[in-house]
């Protein structure tokens, strides 16, 4: 079992930065692929970024590539999402997710993850 708690959301002007954190509990964190997703009102949950267990392999949605950076600290059981050059279209609830090794669904889809945090709101004003 993995429990995830996100923090770091808030209101920021366009062009600004925020860093989201996701603290995990449970012994499987250091071996789990982690991901960030987001969901805007009236839209489906969409993939943002993912990082493998070691932190050396990352993937990003085209919409955030070059602006967002995902990282992890296994000693602190925490995964981060550094968001720079924020745009109004980045406004959404951001969710952290953990994937178990047995999950074979694509890691760019919500089905590719087994545990979810409660979400943190990010609002970017123009």
N, C-alpha and C. Protein backbone atom coordinates (compact mmCIF):
# COMPACT_ATOMS: atom_id res chain seq x y z
N UNK A 1 0.85 -1.19 0.00
CA UNK A 1 0.00 0.00 0.00
C UNK A 1 0.88 1.24 0.00
N UNK A 2 0.51 2.23 -0.80
CA UNK A 2 1.24 3.48 -0.89
C UNK A 2 0.25 4.62 -0.70
N UNK A 3 0.57 5.54 0.17
CA UNK A 3 -0.24 6.75 0.35
C UNK A 3 0.56 7.94 -0.14
N UNK A 4 -0.09 8.82 -0.86
CA UNK A 4 0.57 9.96 -1.50
C UNK A 4 -0.09 11.26 -1.07
N UNK A 5 0.73 12.25 -0.71
CA UNK A 5 0.22 13.54 -0.29
C UNK A 5 0.95 14.63 -1.06
N UNK A 6 0.19 15.37 -1.88
CA UNK A 6 0.78 16.45 -2.67
C UNK A 6 0.74 17.76 -1.90
N UNK A 7 1.67 18.64 -2.25
CA UNK A 7 1.69 19.99 -1.69
C UNK A 7 2.39 20.91 -2.68
N UNK A 8 2.26 22.22 -2.45
CA UNK A 8 2.99 23.18 -3.26
C UNK A 8 2.17 23.92 -4.30
N UNK A 9 0.90 23.56 -4.43
CA UNK A 9 0.07 24.27 -5.39
C UNK A 9 -0.24 25.67 -4.92
N UNK A 10 -0.85 26.46 -5.82
CA UNK A 10 -1.21 27.82 -5.45
C UNK A 10 -1.54 28.64 -6.67
N UNK A 11 -1.60 29.95 -6.44
CA UNK A 11 -1.91 30.92 -7.50
C UNK A 11 -0.63 31.62 -7.92
N UNK A 12 -0.38 31.68 -9.21
CA UNK A 12 0.84 32.31 -9.73
C UNK A 12 0.50 33.03 -11.03
N UNK A 13 1.24 34.07 -11.32
CA UNK A 13 1.04 34.78 -12.58
C UNK A 13 1.71 34.04 -13.72
N UNK A 14 1.20 34.27 -14.91
CA UNK A 14 1.81 33.66 -16.10
C UNK A 14 3.28 34.04 -16.16
N UNK A 15 4.10 33.03 -16.50
CA UNK A 15 5.54 33.23 -16.54
C UNK A 15 6.23 32.86 -15.25
N UNK A 16 5.46 32.65 -14.20
CA UNK A 16 6.02 32.32 -12.91
C UNK A 16 6.34 30.84 -12.75
N UNK A 17 6.75 30.48 -11.53
CA UNK A 17 7.16 29.10 -11.24
C UNK A 17 6.52 28.59 -9.97
N UNK A 18 6.36 27.29 -9.91
CA UNK A 18 5.92 26.60 -8.70
C UNK A 18 6.64 25.26 -8.65
N UNK A 19 6.83 24.75 -7.43
CA UNK A 19 7.36 23.40 -7.28
C UNK A 19 6.37 22.58 -6.47
N UNK A 20 5.88 21.52 -7.07
CA UNK A 20 5.00 20.61 -6.37
C UNK A 20 5.81 19.48 -5.74
N UNK A 21 5.36 19.04 -4.59
CA UNK A 21 5.98 17.91 -3.91
C UNK A 21 4.93 16.84 -3.67
N UNK A 22 5.38 15.60 -3.65
CA UNK A 22 4.50 14.48 -3.36
C UNK A 22 5.26 13.54 -2.43
N UNK A 23 4.81 13.49 -1.19
CA UNK A 23 5.45 12.62 -0.21
C UNK A 23 4.70 11.30 -0.14
N UNK A 24 5.44 10.21 -0.21
CA UNK A 24 4.85 8.88 -0.22
C UNK A 24 5.17 8.12 1.05
N UNK A 25 4.23 7.32 1.46
CA UNK A 25 4.47 6.39 2.57
C UNK A 25 4.35 4.99 2.02
N UNK A 26 5.10 4.07 2.58
CA UNK A 26 5.06 2.70 2.08
C UNK A 26 6.42 2.27 1.58
N UNK A 27 6.73 1.00 1.74
CA UNK A 27 8.06 0.52 1.44
C UNK A 27 8.32 0.36 -0.05
N UNK A 28 7.29 0.46 -0.89
CA UNK A 28 7.49 0.23 -2.32
C UNK A 28 7.86 1.49 -3.08
N UNK A 29 7.94 2.64 -2.40
CA UNK A 29 8.17 3.89 -3.13
C UNK A 29 9.43 3.85 -3.95
N UNK A 30 10.53 3.42 -3.36
CA UNK A 30 11.82 3.52 -4.04
C UNK A 30 11.91 2.60 -5.26
N UNK A 31 11.01 1.66 -5.39
CA UNK A 31 11.02 0.77 -6.55
C UNK A 31 9.89 1.08 -7.53
N UNK A 32 9.13 2.13 -7.26
CA UNK A 32 7.94 2.44 -8.07
C UNK A 32 8.21 3.58 -9.05
N UNK A 33 7.74 3.40 -10.26
CA UNK A 33 7.67 4.52 -11.20
C UNK A 33 6.63 5.49 -10.66
N UNK A 34 6.92 6.78 -10.76
CA UNK A 34 6.01 7.81 -10.27
C UNK A 34 5.60 8.73 -11.41
N UNK A 35 4.42 9.28 -11.31
CA UNK A 35 3.94 10.17 -12.36
C UNK A 35 3.18 11.35 -11.80
N UNK A 36 3.09 12.38 -12.62
CA UNK A 36 2.23 13.53 -12.35
C UNK A 36 1.20 13.62 -13.48
N UNK A 37 -0.03 13.84 -13.09
CA UNK A 37 -1.12 14.07 -14.02
C UNK A 37 -1.83 15.36 -13.62
N UNK A 38 -2.66 15.86 -14.50
CA UNK A 38 -3.45 17.03 -14.15
C UNK A 38 -4.84 16.93 -14.77
N UNK A 39 -5.77 17.63 -14.14
CA UNK A 39 -7.15 17.62 -14.64
C UNK A 39 -7.74 19.00 -14.49
N UNK A 40 -8.11 19.58 -15.62
CA UNK A 40 -8.78 20.88 -15.64
C UNK A 40 -10.29 20.66 -15.61
N UNK A 41 -11.05 21.65 -15.19
CA UNK A 41 -12.51 21.49 -15.12
C UNK A 41 -13.09 21.10 -16.48
N UNK A 42 -13.91 20.07 -16.47
CA UNK A 42 -14.58 19.63 -17.69
C UNK A 42 -13.70 18.83 -18.63
N UNK A 43 -12.47 18.54 -18.21
CA UNK A 43 -11.55 17.79 -19.08
C UNK A 43 -11.14 16.50 -18.40
N UNK A 44 -10.62 15.59 -19.22
CA UNK A 44 -10.12 14.33 -18.69
C UNK A 44 -8.76 14.53 -18.02
N UNK A 45 -8.44 13.62 -17.13
CA UNK A 45 -7.13 13.66 -16.50
C UNK A 45 -6.06 13.35 -17.56
N UNK A 46 -5.02 14.18 -17.59
CA UNK A 46 -4.00 14.01 -18.61
C UNK A 46 -2.61 13.86 -18.02
N UNK A 47 -1.80 13.12 -18.73
CA UNK A 47 -0.41 12.86 -18.34
C UNK A 47 0.41 14.14 -18.41
N UNK A 48 1.28 14.31 -17.42
CA UNK A 48 2.20 15.45 -17.41
C UNK A 48 3.64 14.96 -17.50
N UNK A 49 4.04 14.09 -16.57
CA UNK A 49 5.43 13.64 -16.52
C UNK A 49 5.53 12.36 -15.72
N UNK A 50 6.61 11.61 -15.97
CA UNK A 50 6.85 10.39 -15.22
C UNK A 50 8.35 10.21 -15.02
N UNK A 51 8.70 9.51 -13.93
CA UNK A 51 10.10 9.23 -13.62
C UNK A 51 10.22 7.79 -13.17
N UNK A 52 11.29 7.12 -13.59
CA UNK A 52 11.46 5.72 -13.18
C UNK A 52 11.97 5.64 -11.76
N UNK A 53 12.20 4.42 -11.28
CA UNK A 53 12.52 4.24 -9.86
C UNK A 53 13.80 4.93 -9.45
N UNK A 54 14.78 5.00 -10.37
CA UNK A 54 16.09 5.55 -10.02
C UNK A 54 16.15 7.06 -10.19
N UNK A 55 15.22 7.59 -10.99
CA UNK A 55 15.26 9.02 -11.28
C UNK A 55 16.02 9.36 -12.54
N UNK A 56 16.64 8.38 -13.17
CA UNK A 56 17.48 8.66 -14.33
C UNK A 56 16.71 8.66 -15.66
N UNK A 57 15.50 8.18 -15.65
CA UNK A 57 14.70 8.15 -16.87
C UNK A 57 13.41 8.93 -16.66
N UNK A 58 13.19 9.93 -17.49
CA UNK A 58 12.00 10.76 -17.38
C UNK A 58 11.31 10.91 -18.74
N UNK A 59 10.01 11.17 -18.70
CA UNK A 59 9.24 11.43 -19.92
C UNK A 59 8.24 12.53 -19.63
N UNK A 60 7.94 13.33 -20.65
CA UNK A 60 7.06 14.48 -20.47
C UNK A 60 6.02 14.56 -21.59
N UNK A 61 4.89 15.14 -21.24
CA UNK A 61 3.93 15.49 -22.27
C UNK A 61 4.52 16.62 -23.11
N UNK A 62 4.18 16.63 -24.38
CA UNK A 62 4.71 17.66 -25.27
C UNK A 62 4.36 19.07 -24.78
N UNK A 63 3.22 19.21 -24.16
CA UNK A 63 2.75 20.52 -23.72
C UNK A 63 3.60 21.13 -22.60
N UNK A 64 4.37 20.29 -21.90
CA UNK A 64 5.17 20.81 -20.77
C UNK A 64 6.66 20.62 -20.98
N UNK A 65 7.03 19.95 -22.05
CA UNK A 65 8.45 19.66 -22.29
C UNK A 65 9.24 20.96 -22.39
N UNK A 66 10.37 21.00 -21.68
CA UNK A 66 11.21 22.19 -21.67
C UNK A 66 10.83 23.20 -20.60
N UNK A 67 9.65 23.02 -19.98
CA UNK A 67 9.22 23.94 -18.93
C UNK A 67 9.11 23.25 -17.57
N UNK A 68 8.73 21.99 -17.57
CA UNK A 68 8.56 21.24 -16.32
C UNK A 68 9.68 20.23 -16.17
N UNK A 69 10.04 19.95 -14.91
CA UNK A 69 11.05 18.94 -14.61
C UNK A 69 10.56 18.07 -13.46
N UNK A 70 10.55 16.76 -13.69
CA UNK A 70 10.19 15.82 -12.64
C UNK A 70 11.47 15.24 -12.05
N UNK A 71 11.47 15.05 -10.74
CA UNK A 71 12.62 14.46 -10.07
C UNK A 71 12.13 13.74 -8.83
N UNK A 72 13.03 12.97 -8.21
CA UNK A 72 12.66 12.25 -7.01
C UNK A 72 13.84 12.15 -6.07
N UNK A 73 13.53 12.01 -4.79
CA UNK A 73 14.52 11.79 -3.76
C UNK A 73 14.05 10.56 -2.98
N UNK A 74 14.64 9.42 -3.25
CA UNK A 74 14.18 8.19 -2.61
C UNK A 74 14.48 8.15 -1.12
N UNK A 75 15.50 8.90 -0.69
CA UNK A 75 15.79 8.97 0.74
C UNK A 75 14.68 9.68 1.50
N UNK A 76 14.00 10.60 0.81
CA UNK A 76 12.92 11.36 1.43
C UNK A 76 11.54 10.86 1.00
N UNK A 77 11.50 9.81 0.21
CA UNK A 77 10.23 9.27 -0.29
C UNK A 77 9.38 10.37 -0.96
N UNK A 78 10.03 11.19 -1.73
CA UNK A 78 9.35 12.35 -2.31
C UNK A 78 9.65 12.48 -3.80
N UNK A 79 8.63 12.84 -4.56
CA UNK A 79 8.79 13.16 -5.97
C UNK A 79 8.38 14.61 -6.16
N UNK A 80 9.06 15.30 -7.06
CA UNK A 80 8.85 16.72 -7.27
C UNK A 80 8.44 17.01 -8.71
N UNK A 81 7.77 18.14 -8.89
CA UNK A 81 7.50 18.64 -10.22
C UNK A 81 7.81 20.14 -10.20
N UNK A 82 8.93 20.50 -10.80
CA UNK A 82 9.30 21.91 -10.93
C UNK A 82 8.63 22.45 -12.19
N UNK A 83 7.85 23.49 -12.03
CA UNK A 83 7.10 24.05 -13.15
C UNK A 83 7.53 25.49 -13.37
N UNK A 84 8.12 25.75 -14.53
CA UNK A 84 8.59 27.08 -14.89
C UNK A 84 7.81 27.60 -16.09
N UNK A 85 7.90 28.89 -16.33
CA UNK A 85 7.23 29.53 -17.47
C UNK A 85 5.77 29.10 -17.54
N UNK A 86 5.09 29.18 -16.44
CA UNK A 86 3.71 28.71 -16.37
C UNK A 86 2.79 29.53 -17.25
N UNK A 87 1.81 28.85 -17.81
CA UNK A 87 0.83 29.47 -18.70
C UNK A 87 -0.57 29.28 -18.10
N UNK A 88 -1.51 30.14 -18.48
CA UNK A 88 -2.89 29.96 -17.98
C UNK A 88 -3.46 28.58 -18.28
N UNK A 89 -3.05 27.99 -19.39
CA UNK A 89 -3.56 26.66 -19.75
C UNK A 89 -2.98 25.55 -18.88
N UNK A 90 -2.03 25.87 -18.01
CA UNK A 90 -1.51 24.90 -17.04
C UNK A 90 -2.42 24.81 -15.81
N UNK A 91 -3.40 25.68 -15.73
CA UNK A 91 -4.32 25.67 -14.59
C UNK A 91 -5.07 24.34 -14.52
N UNK A 92 -4.98 23.69 -13.36
CA UNK A 92 -5.60 22.37 -13.18
C UNK A 92 -5.35 21.89 -11.76
N UNK A 93 -6.00 20.80 -11.40
CA UNK A 93 -5.62 20.07 -10.20
C UNK A 93 -4.54 19.07 -10.62
N UNK A 94 -3.44 19.08 -9.90
CA UNK A 94 -2.32 18.21 -10.22
C UNK A 94 -2.29 17.04 -9.25
N UNK A 95 -2.15 15.85 -9.81
CA UNK A 95 -2.16 14.62 -9.03
C UNK A 95 -0.84 13.88 -9.17
N UNK A 96 -0.39 13.34 -8.05
CA UNK A 96 0.77 12.46 -8.02
C UNK A 96 0.25 11.03 -8.06
N UNK A 97 1.00 10.13 -8.71
CA UNK A 97 0.56 8.75 -8.83
C UNK A 97 1.75 7.81 -8.75
N UNK A 98 1.49 6.61 -8.24
CA UNK A 98 2.52 5.58 -8.12
C UNK A 98 2.09 4.33 -8.88
N UNK A 99 3.05 3.73 -9.55
CA UNK A 99 2.79 2.56 -10.39
C UNK A 99 3.47 1.34 -9.77
N UNK A 100 2.71 0.26 -9.64
CA UNK A 100 3.29 -1.00 -9.18
C UNK A 100 3.95 -1.71 -10.35
N UNK A 101 4.93 -2.53 -10.06
CA UNK A 101 5.68 -3.23 -11.10
C UNK A 101 4.79 -4.12 -11.95
N UNK A 102 3.73 -4.66 -11.37
CA UNK A 102 2.87 -5.59 -12.09
C UNK A 102 1.92 -4.89 -13.07
N UNK A 103 1.85 -3.58 -13.01
CA UNK A 103 0.96 -2.83 -13.89
C UNK A 103 1.56 -2.79 -15.29
N UNK A 104 0.81 -3.27 -16.27
CA UNK A 104 1.33 -3.32 -17.64
C UNK A 104 0.72 -2.26 -18.54
N UNK A 105 -0.20 -1.45 -18.01
CA UNK A 105 -0.78 -0.39 -18.83
C UNK A 105 0.26 0.68 -19.11
N UNK A 106 0.05 1.44 -20.15
CA UNK A 106 1.00 2.49 -20.54
C UNK A 106 1.18 3.50 -19.42
N UNK A 107 2.40 3.89 -19.17
CA UNK A 107 2.63 4.79 -18.05
C UNK A 107 2.28 6.24 -18.36
N UNK A 108 1.79 6.50 -19.56
CA UNK A 108 1.29 7.84 -19.89
C UNK A 108 -0.23 7.92 -19.73
N UNK A 109 -0.83 6.88 -19.20
CA UNK A 109 -2.29 6.87 -19.01
C UNK A 109 -2.61 6.69 -17.53
N UNK A 110 -3.75 7.21 -17.08
CA UNK A 110 -4.11 7.02 -15.67
C UNK A 110 -4.17 5.56 -15.25
N UNK A 111 -4.57 4.69 -16.15
CA UNK A 111 -4.62 3.27 -15.86
C UNK A 111 -3.27 2.65 -15.59
N UNK A 112 -2.21 3.35 -15.92
CA UNK A 112 -0.87 2.84 -15.68
C UNK A 112 -0.38 3.05 -14.27
N UNK A 113 -1.24 3.57 -13.40
CA UNK A 113 -0.87 3.87 -12.02
C UNK A 113 -1.89 3.29 -11.07
N UNK A 114 -1.40 2.89 -9.90
CA UNK A 114 -2.23 2.16 -8.95
C UNK A 114 -2.67 2.99 -7.75
N UNK A 115 -1.88 4.00 -7.42
CA UNK A 115 -2.18 4.81 -6.24
C UNK A 115 -2.15 6.28 -6.63
N UNK A 116 -3.04 7.05 -6.02
CA UNK A 116 -3.18 8.46 -6.34
C UNK A 116 -3.24 9.31 -5.07
N UNK A 117 -2.70 10.53 -5.19
CA UNK A 117 -2.87 11.49 -4.13
C UNK A 117 -4.20 12.21 -4.26
N UNK A 118 -4.44 13.15 -3.36
CA UNK A 118 -5.72 13.85 -3.34
C UNK A 118 -5.73 15.04 -4.30
N UNK A 119 -4.57 15.43 -4.79
CA UNK A 119 -4.48 16.52 -5.74
C UNK A 119 -4.19 17.86 -5.08
N UNK A 120 -3.55 18.74 -5.83
CA UNK A 120 -3.26 20.09 -5.38
C UNK A 120 -3.58 21.06 -6.53
N UNK A 121 -4.26 22.15 -6.20
CA UNK A 121 -4.72 23.09 -7.22
C UNK A 121 -3.58 24.02 -7.64
N UNK A 122 -3.42 24.16 -8.94
CA UNK A 122 -2.50 25.13 -9.52
C UNK A 122 -3.32 26.07 -10.40
N UNK A 123 -3.24 27.35 -10.12
CA UNK A 123 -3.97 28.34 -10.90
C UNK A 123 -2.99 29.38 -11.43
N UNK A 124 -2.99 29.56 -12.74
CA UNK A 124 -2.09 30.50 -13.39
C UNK A 124 -2.92 31.63 -13.98
N UNK A 125 -2.70 32.84 -13.50
CA UNK A 125 -3.46 33.98 -13.98
C UNK A 125 -2.73 34.66 -15.14
N UNK A 126 -3.49 35.24 -16.03
CA UNK A 126 -2.89 35.89 -17.21
C UNK A 126 -2.61 37.35 -16.95
